[in-house]
Amino acid sequence: MRRPLHILVLGYYGFANAGDEIVLAGILRGIASEARQQPFEVRALSADPARTLAVHGIRAYPRFSPAAILSALFWCDILVLGGGSLIQDITSRRSAAYYLWICRVALALRRKLFLWAQGFGPLEDPQLRESAGRTLARASGVTVRDPRSLTELVGLGLPESLLTLSADPAFLLEPAADLEEDSRAEAGPVLAVALRPWGSIRRSCPEVAAACDFFARETGIRSLFVPFHPPGDVEISRRVLESAEGSHSLLTAELSPAEMARLFHGFHLSLGMRLHSIILSAMAAVPFAGLSYDPKIERFCHLAGMPCLTADGLHAGELQDILLSLHSNREQAGIHLRAFADEQRDLALVSARLFWQVCSGK
């Protein structure tokens, strides 16, 4: 009997961020779907190994322990840099430095390195750019989740022959069959709103509240605020609710990745700053608008053909117009998104297939 392939997945896991847990769930499903008869075991680096085991059913190592990281790298045959925008310095320079360091150690130990549907950049620091170019060029395979990320990596000096366009692993996620009663969206059509704390968005809370109130008056559709990363998302959502006049609500249930995917199937429209809120909307054929604080939001909205506003300096009137337009054209937009989601699902499988080709040495 063959020894199982040892796969270590590295990402922003164990922080109770629904988007990153959705990414990990999609990667795990992708690995399993294309494994054929190859035995394998997947482990991860996580900020909360017990939570990762509970949510995903896989063993995890503490990501802040150098000894545990080395133990994980000695254990694995291949390191997967798993989804998300990991190599970027828009949130923190330390983030990119951390991931690149682990990749370099893995390569020094002669482990294979595979980048799974990365959303690359922005990466502005010259030293980090040089380090990323030298390190990532040694990967055995690289897939990216959008055309702009591919262009960015070519700009770092990676050969185009190494790069493959794919899609976010979330598109491989299978929604849960059902939700608990207290987790379901309210009866009737609902506008999902997924905000995150960032820059001047706090000053825009009254604008978001005014737009939600206006939309409710015009259409009878109330808003449900869906936090992806508490407590920050909860706090910013409460600020909007305090400014609002209408009877909007806040989702308080903690959902698994599959349950979160099912939840979005029940929405009428969505408005999101969180990337995976608009990805889940696309998967459910729910028309959406993005609120961009990072190029990844604009990239996905452009890819999906959906509108996008800048989160900073938001004006209620502009947001109101977009929501009404989405509402008026909901059926046509839904047809477009169904076709788009099918295409993205097929593209997402490209990463899984290439991963197993790399593992088999083909």
Protein backbone atom coordinates (compact mmCIF):
# COMPACT_ATOMS: atom_id res chain seq x y z
CA MET A 1 0.00 0.00 0.00
CA ARG A 2 1.34 3.41 -0.99
CA ARG A 3 2.17 5.93 1.72
CA PRO A 4 -0.36 8.78 1.69
CA LEU A 5 0.83 12.02 0.12
CA HIS A 6 1.41 14.54 2.92
CA ILE A 7 -0.10 17.92 2.01
CA LEU A 8 0.40 21.03 4.15
CA VAL A 9 -1.89 23.99 3.43
CA LEU A 10 -0.79 27.49 4.41
CA GLY A 11 -3.17 30.45 4.58
CA TYR A 12 -4.95 32.82 6.95
CA TYR A 13 -6.73 30.02 8.78
CA GLY A 14 -8.00 29.77 12.36
CA PHE A 15 -8.83 33.46 12.76
CA ALA A 16 -12.63 32.97 12.57
CA ASN A 17 -12.66 34.78 9.22
CA ALA A 18 -15.45 33.14 7.21
CA GLY A 19 -13.87 34.03 3.87
CA ASP A 20 -10.59 32.27 4.60
CA GLU A 21 -12.35 29.23 6.05
CA ILE A 22 -14.44 29.06 2.87
CA VAL A 23 -11.20 29.10 0.86
CA LEU A 24 -9.78 26.21 2.89
CA ALA A 25 -13.01 24.23 2.55
CA GLY A 26 -12.89 24.72 -1.23
CA ILE A 27 -9.25 23.60 -1.44
CA LEU A 28 -9.98 20.47 0.60
CA ARG A 29 -12.90 19.64 -1.67
CA GLY A 30 -10.74 20.25 -4.75
CA ILE A 31 -7.96 17.98 -3.49
CA ALA A 32 -10.42 15.18 -2.72
CA SER A 33 -12.37 15.55 -5.98
CA GLU A 34 -9.31 14.99 -8.19
CA ALA A 35 -7.34 12.51 -6.05
CA ARG A 36 -8.55 9.45 -7.97
CA GLN A 37 -6.97 6.48 -6.17
CA GLN A 38 -4.08 8.43 -4.64
CA PRO A 39 -4.12 8.23 -0.80
CA PHE A 40 -3.40 11.55 0.91
CA GLU A 41 -3.51 13.39 4.21
CA VAL A 42 -3.99 17.15 4.51
CA ARG A 43 -2.89 19.25 7.45
CA ALA A 44 -2.79 23.03 7.86
CA LEU A 45 -1.05 25.81 9.74
CA SER A 46 -3.64 27.60 11.85
CA ALA A 47 -4.01 30.29 14.51
CA ASP A 48 -6.48 27.95 16.24
CA PRO A 49 -5.67 24.29 15.50
CA ALA A 50 -8.59 23.00 17.58
CA ARG A 51 -11.03 25.15 15.64
CA THR A 52 -9.56 24.03 12.32
CA LEU A 53 -10.00 20.40 13.36
CA ALA A 54 -13.59 21.07 14.42
CA VAL A 55 -14.57 22.98 11.27
CA HIS A 56 -12.61 21.06 8.61
CA GLY A 57 -11.77 17.74 10.20
CA ILE A 58 -8.03 18.05 9.61
CA ARG A 59 -5.09 18.27 11.99
CA ALA A 60 -3.38 21.66 12.22
CA TYR A 61 -0.15 23.09 13.61
CA PRO A 62 0.04 26.44 15.49
CA ARG A 63 1.12 28.99 12.91
CA PHE A 64 2.99 31.24 15.36
CA SER A 65 5.33 28.53 16.67
CA PRO A 66 8.61 28.26 14.70
CA ALA A 67 9.13 24.75 16.08
CA ALA A 68 5.64 23.68 14.98
CA ILE A 69 6.14 25.23 11.54
CA LEU A 70 9.39 23.31 11.07
CA SER A 71 7.73 20.11 12.27
CA ALA A 72 4.93 20.63 9.74
CA LEU A 73 7.38 21.27 6.91
CA PHE A 74 9.43 18.17 7.77
CA TRP A 75 6.17 16.16 7.75
CA CYS A 76 4.86 17.36 4.38
CA ASP A 77 5.73 16.40 0.82
CA ILE A 78 4.22 19.53 -0.69
CA LEU A 79 3.36 22.97 0.69
CA VAL A 80 0.23 24.58 -0.73
CA LEU A 81 0.01 28.35 -0.47
CA GLY A 82 -3.73 28.18 -0.29
CA GLY A 83 -5.94 30.80 -1.82
CA GLY A 84 -6.61 34.36 -0.73
CA SER A 85 -4.44 37.45 -1.15
CA LEU A 86 -1.51 36.28 0.96
CA ILE A 87 1.44 37.96 -0.77
CA GLN A 88 0.45 41.61 -0.42
CA ASP A 89 1.37 44.58 1.76
CA ILE A 90 -1.83 46.62 1.68
CA THR A 91 -2.84 45.32 5.13
CA SER A 92 0.63 44.65 6.55
CA ARG A 93 4.19 44.16 5.33
CA ARG A 94 4.57 41.38 7.90
CA SER A 95 1.94 39.24 6.19
CA ALA A 96 3.89 38.87 2.94
CA ALA A 97 7.18 38.42 4.83
CA TYR A 98 5.67 35.61 6.92
CA TYR A 99 4.34 33.61 3.97
CA LEU A 100 7.47 34.08 1.89
CA TRP A 101 9.67 32.94 4.78
CA ILE A 102 7.71 29.68 5.13
CA CYS A 103 7.88 29.12 1.37
CA ARG A 104 11.66 29.62 1.40
CA VAL A 105 12.11 27.16 4.28
CA ALA A 106 9.94 24.58 2.47
CA LEU A 107 12.04 24.94 -0.67
CA ALA A 108 15.26 24.68 1.34
CA LEU A 109 13.95 21.38 2.72
CA ARG A 110 13.32 20.24 -0.88
CA ARG A 111 9.55 20.26 -0.48
CA LYS A 112 7.44 21.08 -3.50
CA LEU A 113 5.63 24.42 -3.47
CA PHE A 114 2.25 24.94 -5.12
CA LEU A 115 0.35 28.25 -5.23
CA TRP A 116 -3.38 27.51 -5.30
CA ALA A 117 -5.57 30.23 -6.87
CA GLN A 118 -3.65 33.14 -5.43
CA GLY A 119 -4.94 36.66 -5.62
CA PHE A 120 -1.59 38.38 -5.85
CA GLY A 121 -0.81 41.91 -4.63
CA PRO A 122 -0.74 44.79 -4.28
CA LEU A 123 2.92 44.42 -3.30
CA GLU A 124 4.71 47.76 -3.27
CA ASP A 125 7.77 47.22 -1.04
CA PRO A 126 10.82 46.77 -3.34
CA GLN A 127 12.54 44.25 -1.04
CA LEU A 128 9.39 42.16 -0.74
CA ARG A 129 8.88 42.27 -4.50
CA GLU A 130 12.41 41.01 -5.09
CA SER A 131 11.98 38.28 -2.46
CA ALA A 132 8.60 37.23 -3.87
CA GLY A 133 9.94 37.04 -7.42
CA ARG A 134 12.92 34.86 -6.45
CA THR A 135 10.91 32.58 -4.14
CA LEU A 136 7.73 32.05 -6.14
CA ALA A 137 9.64 31.38 -9.38
CA ARG A 138 10.83 28.15 -7.71
CA ALA A 139 7.30 26.83 -7.25
CA SER A 140 6.31 23.62 -9.02
CA GLY A 141 2.99 25.12 -10.07
CA VAL A 142 1.17 28.43 -9.75
CA THR A 143 -2.51 29.14 -10.31
CA VAL A 144 -4.10 32.57 -9.88
CA ARG A 145 -7.72 33.52 -9.33
CA ASP A 146 -7.91 36.50 -11.70
CA PRO A 147 -6.15 37.86 -14.80
CA ARG A 148 -4.72 40.87 -12.95
CA SER A 149 -2.88 38.60 -10.49
CA LEU A 150 -1.34 36.76 -13.44
CA THR A 151 -0.11 40.07 -14.87
CA GLU A 152 1.33 41.07 -11.47
CA LEU A 153 3.32 37.83 -11.19
CA VAL A 154 4.68 38.17 -14.72
CA GLY A 155 5.79 41.64 -13.65
CA LEU A 156 7.78 40.04 -10.83
CA GLY A 157 9.67 37.97 -13.37
CA LEU A 158 7.81 34.66 -13.13
CA PRO A 159 7.68 32.90 -16.51
CA GLU A 160 4.23 32.77 -18.09
CA SER A 161 4.72 29.04 -18.65
CA LEU A 162 4.61 28.56 -14.85
CA LEU A 163 1.32 30.44 -14.42
CA THR A 164 -2.22 29.17 -14.95
CA LEU A 165 -5.45 31.13 -14.70
CA SER A 166 -7.93 29.52 -12.32
CA ALA A 167 -10.67 30.77 -9.99
CA ASP A 168 -11.28 31.15 -6.27
CA PRO A 169 -11.53 27.77 -4.47
CA ALA A 170 -14.85 28.90 -2.96
CA PHE A 171 -16.49 27.94 -6.27
CA LEU A 172 -15.79 24.29 -5.40
CA LEU A 173 -17.71 24.52 -2.13
CA GLU A 174 -20.95 22.56 -1.90
CA PRO A 175 -23.66 24.47 0.03
CA ALA A 176 -25.18 22.77 3.09
CA ALA A 177 -28.47 20.98 2.51
CA ASP A 178 -30.25 23.22 5.00
CA LEU A 179 -29.79 25.71 7.82
CA GLU A 180 -30.86 25.76 11.42
CA GLU A 181 -34.01 27.81 12.00
CA ASP A 182 -32.18 30.69 13.73
CA SER A 183 -29.62 30.91 10.91
CA ARG A 184 -32.02 31.41 8.02
CA ALA A 185 -32.60 34.74 6.34
CA GLU A 186 -35.81 36.52 7.33
CA ALA A 187 -39.00 35.65 5.54
CA GLY A 188 -39.38 37.47 2.26
CA PRO A 189 -36.68 39.09 0.11
CA VAL A 190 -33.58 40.33 1.94
CA LEU A 191 -30.64 42.58 1.03
CA ALA A 192 -27.45 41.06 2.49
CA VAL A 193 -24.83 43.60 3.62
CA ALA A 194 -21.28 42.48 4.49
CA LEU A 195 -19.08 45.29 5.80
CA ARG A 196 -15.63 45.35 7.33
CA PRO A 197 -13.76 48.00 9.31
CA TRP A 198 -11.42 49.90 7.00
CA GLY A 199 -10.19 53.48 6.60
CA SER A 200 -13.01 56.00 6.44
CA ILE A 201 -15.82 53.43 6.21
CA ARG A 202 -16.86 54.42 9.75
CA ARG A 203 -17.61 57.91 8.45
CA SER A 204 -19.69 56.30 5.69
CA CYS A 205 -21.93 54.36 8.10
CA PRO A 206 -24.73 56.98 7.92
CA GLU A 207 -24.54 56.81 4.10
CA VAL A 208 -24.94 53.03 4.11
CA ALA A 209 -27.79 53.32 6.62
CA ALA A 210 -29.55 55.95 4.49
CA ALA A 211 -29.24 53.77 1.38
CA CYS A 212 -30.61 50.70 3.18
CA ASP A 213 -33.51 52.75 4.57
CA PHE A 214 -34.27 54.21 1.13
CA PHE A 215 -34.16 50.79 -0.50
CA ALA A 216 -36.50 49.38 2.15
CA ARG A 217 -38.99 52.24 1.64
CA GLU A 218 -38.92 51.88 -2.15
CA THR A 219 -39.07 48.08 -2.34
CA GLY A 220 -40.16 46.75 1.05
CA ILE A 221 -36.87 44.82 1.24
CA ARG A 222 -35.02 45.07 4.55
CA SER A 223 -31.31 44.49 5.11
CA LEU A 224 -29.54 41.71 6.99
CA PHE A 225 -25.98 42.51 8.02
CA VAL A 226 -23.74 39.44 7.68
CA PRO A 227 -20.42 39.59 9.61
CA PHE A 228 -17.61 37.57 8.04
CA HIS A 229 -14.95 38.35 10.64
CA PRO A 230 -16.13 39.22 14.15
CA PRO A 231 -15.77 41.23 16.22
CA GLY A 232 -14.75 43.99 13.78
CA ASP A 233 -17.49 43.27 11.24
CA VAL A 234 -20.08 43.12 14.02
CA GLU A 235 -19.00 46.48 15.38
CA ILE A 236 -19.16 48.26 12.01
CA SER A 237 -22.53 46.64 11.24
CA ARG A 238 -23.94 47.84 14.56
CA ARG A 239 -22.80 51.37 13.76
CA VAL A 240 -24.86 51.30 10.59
CA LEU A 241 -27.86 49.80 12.38
CA GLU A 242 -27.68 52.57 15.01
CA SER A 243 -27.82 55.17 12.22
CA ALA A 244 -30.67 53.47 10.38
CA GLU A 245 -34.34 54.22 10.83
CA GLY A 246 -35.65 50.96 9.36
CA SER A 247 -35.96 47.60 11.11
CA HIS A 248 -32.87 45.95 9.65
CA SER A 249 -31.11 43.11 11.47
CA LEU A 250 -27.75 41.50 12.22
CA LEU A 251 -26.88 37.83 11.75
CA THR A 252 -25.53 36.47 15.05
CA ALA A 253 -25.37 32.72 14.31
CA GLU A 254 -21.94 31.19 13.70
CA LEU A 255 -22.04 29.25 10.42
CA SER A 256 -19.76 26.68 8.81
CA PRO A 257 -18.43 27.44 5.29
CA ALA A 258 -21.10 25.18 3.72
CA GLU A 259 -23.84 26.82 5.81
CA MET A 260 -22.66 30.29 4.81
CA ALA A 261 -22.86 29.24 1.15
CA ARG A 262 -26.42 27.99 1.71
CA LEU A 263 -27.40 31.23 3.48
CA PHE A 264 -26.56 33.31 0.39
CA HIS A 265 -28.96 31.28 -1.74
CA GLY A 266 -31.78 32.87 0.24
CA PHE A 267 -30.93 36.50 -0.51
CA HIS A 268 -32.53 38.89 -3.00
CA LEU A 269 -29.45 41.10 -3.53
CA SER A 270 -26.18 41.68 -1.73
CA LEU A 271 -23.78 44.50 -1.01
CA GLY A 272 -20.29 43.53 0.07
CA MET A 273 -16.92 44.77 1.19
CA ARG A 274 -15.92 41.20 2.01
CA LEU A 275 -14.66 39.43 -1.13
CA HIS A 276 -16.27 36.13 -0.25
CA SER A 277 -19.63 37.76 0.36
CA ILE A 278 -19.76 38.73 -3.31
CA ILE A 279 -18.25 35.40 -4.40
CA LEU A 280 -20.97 33.52 -2.50
CA SER A 281 -23.51 35.85 -4.11
CA ALA A 282 -22.21 34.97 -7.57
CA MET A 283 -22.32 31.26 -6.70
CA ALA A 284 -25.97 31.66 -5.67
CA ALA A 285 -26.81 33.81 -8.74
CA VAL A 286 -27.69 36.70 -6.41
CA PRO A 287 -26.97 40.09 -8.03
CA PHE A 288 -24.51 42.15 -5.99
CA ALA A 289 -22.58 45.38 -5.73
CA GLY A 290 -19.06 45.60 -4.33
CA LEU A 291 -17.73 48.22 -1.92
CA SER A 292 -14.03 48.30 -2.71
CA TYR A 293 -11.30 48.93 -0.13
CA ASP A 294 -8.79 46.68 -1.98
CA PRO A 295 -8.22 46.00 -5.71
CA LYS A 296 -9.41 42.40 -5.25
CA ILE A 297 -12.99 43.65 -4.84
CA GLU A 298 -12.86 45.69 -8.05
CA ARG A 299 -11.19 42.79 -9.89
CA PHE A 300 -13.93 40.34 -8.98
CA CYS A 301 -16.78 42.78 -9.70
CA HIS A 302 -15.23 43.52 -13.11
CA LEU A 303 -14.83 39.79 -13.78
CA ALA A 304 -18.46 39.12 -12.84
CA GLY A 305 -19.84 42.17 -14.63
CA MET A 306 -21.32 43.63 -11.45
CA PRO A 307 -21.14 47.25 -10.19
CA CYS A 308 -18.54 48.41 -7.68
CA LEU A 309 -18.22 51.55 -5.57
CA THR A 310 -15.25 52.82 -3.57
CA ALA A 311 -15.86 52.29 0.14
CA ASP A 312 -14.07 55.50 1.09
CA GLY A 313 -16.12 58.64 0.50
CA LEU A 314 -19.32 56.70 -0.14
CA HIS A 315 -22.47 58.69 -1.05
CA ALA A 316 -25.92 57.34 -0.23
CA GLY A 317 -27.46 58.60 -3.47
CA GLU A 318 -25.03 56.70 -5.68
CA LEU A 319 -25.50 53.53 -3.65
CA GLN A 320 -29.29 53.90 -3.75
CA ASP A 321 -29.27 54.15 -7.53
CA ILE A 322 -27.16 50.99 -7.86
CA LEU A 323 -29.39 49.00 -5.52
CA LEU A 324 -32.53 50.06 -7.39
CA SER A 325 -30.90 49.20 -10.73
CA LEU A 326 -29.91 45.74 -9.46
CA HIS A 327 -33.44 45.23 -8.15
CA SER A 328 -35.03 46.24 -11.48
CA ASN A 329 -32.70 43.98 -13.49
CA ARG A 330 -32.47 41.14 -10.99
CA GLU A 331 -33.76 38.37 -13.24
CA GLN A 332 -31.42 39.16 -16.13
CA ALA A 333 -28.44 39.61 -13.80
CA GLY A 334 -29.23 36.27 -12.15
CA ILE A 335 -29.13 34.48 -15.51
CA HIS A 336 -25.76 36.08 -16.25
CA LEU A 337 -24.38 35.09 -12.82
CA ARG A 338 -25.47 31.46 -13.18
CA ALA A 339 -23.41 31.17 -16.37
CA PHE A 340 -20.52 33.05 -14.76
CA ALA A 341 -20.54 30.78 -11.69
CA ASP A 342 -20.49 27.68 -13.90
CA GLU A 343 -17.45 29.04 -15.74
CA GLN A 344 -15.69 29.90 -12.48
CA ARG A 345 -16.41 26.43 -11.07
CA ASP A 346 -14.78 24.85 -14.11
CA LEU A 347 -11.81 27.19 -13.77
CA ALA A 348 -11.51 26.44 -10.04
CA LEU A 349 -11.14 22.75 -10.88
CA VAL A 350 -8.08 23.63 -13.00
CA SER A 351 -6.12 24.24 -9.77
CA ALA A 352 -7.08 20.84 -8.37
CA ARG A 353 -6.09 19.03 -11.56
CA LEU A 354 -2.79 20.87 -11.89
CA PHE A 355 -2.02 20.20 -8.22
CA TRP A 356 -2.25 16.44 -8.74
CA GLN A 357 -0.21 16.66 -11.96
CA VAL A 358 2.53 18.43 -9.99
CA CYS A 359 2.35 15.79 -7.24
CA SER A 360 2.64 12.96 -9.73
CA GLY A 361 5.53 14.61 -11.52
CA LYS A 362 3.73 14.86 -14.87
